[in-house]
Protein backbone atom coordinates (compact mmCIF):
# COMPACT_ATOMS: atom_id res chain seq x y z
CA MET A 1 12.60 2.83 -17.36
CA SER A 2 13.49 6.36 -16.37
CA ARG A 3 15.44 7.62 -13.41
CA TYR A 4 12.52 10.01 -12.80
CA ALA A 5 9.40 8.76 -11.08
CA ALA A 6 6.11 9.56 -12.74
CA VAL A 7 3.51 11.01 -10.43
CA VAL A 8 0.40 9.62 -12.10
CA ASP A 9 -2.73 8.01 -10.75
CA ALA A 10 -2.58 5.05 -13.12
CA GLU A 11 -6.03 3.70 -12.31
CA ALA A 12 -7.71 7.08 -12.80
CA ALA A 13 -5.83 7.47 -16.09
CA ARG A 14 -6.86 3.94 -17.13
CA GLN A 15 -10.53 4.67 -16.39
CA ARG A 16 -10.43 7.93 -18.33
CA LEU A 17 -8.66 6.31 -21.28
CA ASN A 18 -11.05 3.34 -21.31
CA SER A 19 -13.99 5.76 -21.37
CA GLU A 20 -12.37 7.62 -24.26
CA LYS A 21 -11.69 4.33 -26.05
CA ASP A 22 -15.37 3.35 -25.75
CA ARG A 23 -16.47 6.79 -27.01
CA VAL A 24 -14.15 6.70 -30.03
CA ARG A 25 -15.09 3.11 -30.89
CA GLU A 26 -18.76 4.09 -30.82
CA LEU A 27 -18.10 7.05 -33.14
CA ILE A 28 -16.12 4.81 -35.50
CA GLY A 29 -18.96 2.30 -35.58
CA GLN A 30 -21.55 4.98 -36.29
CA LEU A 31 -19.47 6.49 -39.08
CA ARG A 32 -18.79 3.10 -40.65
CA ASP A 33 -22.53 2.38 -40.57
CA GLU A 34 -23.25 5.70 -42.29
CA LEU A 35 -20.55 5.10 -44.89
CA GLY A 36 -21.91 1.64 -45.58
CA ASP A 37 -25.41 2.94 -46.30
CA GLY A 38 -24.49 4.44 -49.68
CA GLU A 39 -22.11 1.78 -50.96
CA GLY A 40 -24.71 -0.28 -52.80
CA GLU A 41 -26.25 2.54 -54.77
CA LEU A 42 -25.73 2.24 -58.51
CA ALA A 43 -28.15 4.99 -59.49
CA ASP A 44 -25.43 7.64 -59.87
CA TYR A 45 -25.83 7.53 -63.67
CA ASP A 46 -28.94 9.72 -63.48
CA GLN A 47 -27.45 12.29 -61.11
CA HIS A 48 -26.17 15.66 -62.17
CA PRO A 49 -22.35 15.75 -62.13
CA ALA A 50 -22.41 18.46 -59.46
CA ASP A 51 -24.48 16.22 -57.20
CA THR A 52 -22.06 13.37 -57.77
CA GLY A 53 -19.17 15.70 -56.95
CA SER A 54 -20.88 16.80 -53.73
CA ASP A 55 -21.49 13.19 -52.75
CA THR A 56 -17.86 12.34 -53.46
CA PHE A 57 -16.66 15.29 -51.39
CA GLU A 58 -18.88 14.28 -48.45
CA ARG A 59 -17.69 10.68 -48.63
CA GLU A 60 -14.03 11.74 -48.72
CA LYS A 61 -14.64 14.04 -45.76
CA ASP A 62 -16.25 11.20 -43.81
CA LEU A 63 -13.36 8.87 -44.69
CA SER A 64 -10.92 11.50 -43.44
CA ILE A 65 -12.83 11.80 -40.17
CA LEU A 66 -12.84 8.00 -39.87
CA GLU A 67 -9.07 7.93 -40.35
CA GLN A 68 -8.63 10.59 -37.65
CA LEU A 69 -10.82 8.62 -35.25
CA GLU A 70 -8.87 5.44 -35.93
CA ASN A 71 -5.62 7.31 -35.23
CA GLU A 72 -7.13 8.67 -32.01
CA LEU A 73 -8.13 5.14 -30.99
CA ALA A 74 -4.59 3.91 -31.67
CA GLU A 75 -3.20 6.69 -29.45
CA VAL A 76 -5.59 5.76 -26.64
CA GLU A 77 -4.62 2.11 -26.92
CA ALA A 78 -0.92 3.07 -26.90
CA ALA A 79 -1.47 5.13 -23.75
CA LEU A 80 -3.17 2.15 -22.09
CA ALA A 81 -0.18 0.00 -23.06
CA ARG A 82 2.13 2.59 -21.45
CA ILE A 83 0.10 2.31 -18.24
CA ASP A 84 0.53 -1.47 -18.37
CA ASP A 85 4.30 -1.27 -18.90
CA GLY A 86 4.81 1.52 -16.36
CA SER A 87 5.94 4.21 -18.80
CA TYR A 88 2.73 6.27 -18.82
CA GLY A 89 3.39 9.85 -17.81
CA ILE A 90 7.07 9.69 -18.77
CA ASP A 91 8.29 11.91 -21.63
CA GLU A 92 9.45 9.62 -24.44
CA ARG A 93 12.28 11.97 -25.41
CA THR A 94 13.66 13.19 -22.11
CA GLY A 95 12.58 10.51 -19.64
CA ARG A 96 11.22 13.19 -17.30
CA PRO A 97 7.67 13.12 -15.93
CA ILE A 98 5.00 14.73 -18.10
CA ALA A 99 3.24 17.58 -16.32
CA SER A 100 -0.02 16.42 -14.74
CA GLU A 101 -1.80 19.41 -16.27
CA ARG A 102 -0.76 18.19 -19.73
CA LEU A 103 -1.97 14.66 -19.01
CA ASP A 104 -5.26 16.11 -17.74
CA ALA A 105 -5.68 18.04 -20.99
CA ILE A 106 -4.27 15.34 -23.30
CA PRO A 107 -4.30 11.93 -21.60
CA THR A 108 -2.51 10.36 -24.59
CA ALA A 109 0.43 12.79 -24.40
CA ARG A 110 3.83 11.22 -25.04
CA THR A 111 5.94 14.31 -24.36
CA ASN A 112 5.95 17.50 -22.36
CA VAL A 113 4.73 20.71 -24.02
CA ASP A 114 8.28 22.01 -24.41
CA ASP A 115 9.26 18.93 -26.41
CA ALA A 116 5.99 18.36 -28.30
CA GLY A 117 6.74 20.80 -31.12
CA GLU A 118 9.94 19.04 -32.07
CA SER A 119 8.29 15.97 -33.62
């Protein structure tokens, strides 16, 4: 671990992250349900090509949103793992504590603002 001590309320962070995890999981489930609704339709042969293109665009957009939500869920789970191993709130690059304001704004933050743009 770091020579710097993180000043983080781990239980408050855990509660906030667990709430976020539940919220993101619910959104993922809803989106998967919506995406599943149109999978069995084979009636595309009578649709105008523009309609088919619009449907394809919407489906790709939804799949992109799903991917973003799954990435967000992975980040939340990684932050929870950092709480468990005692490294939550410690900058992964410098080993210094992450500013509490940054963790309030982005509870999954891995670095301080100064170092975040370097990834």
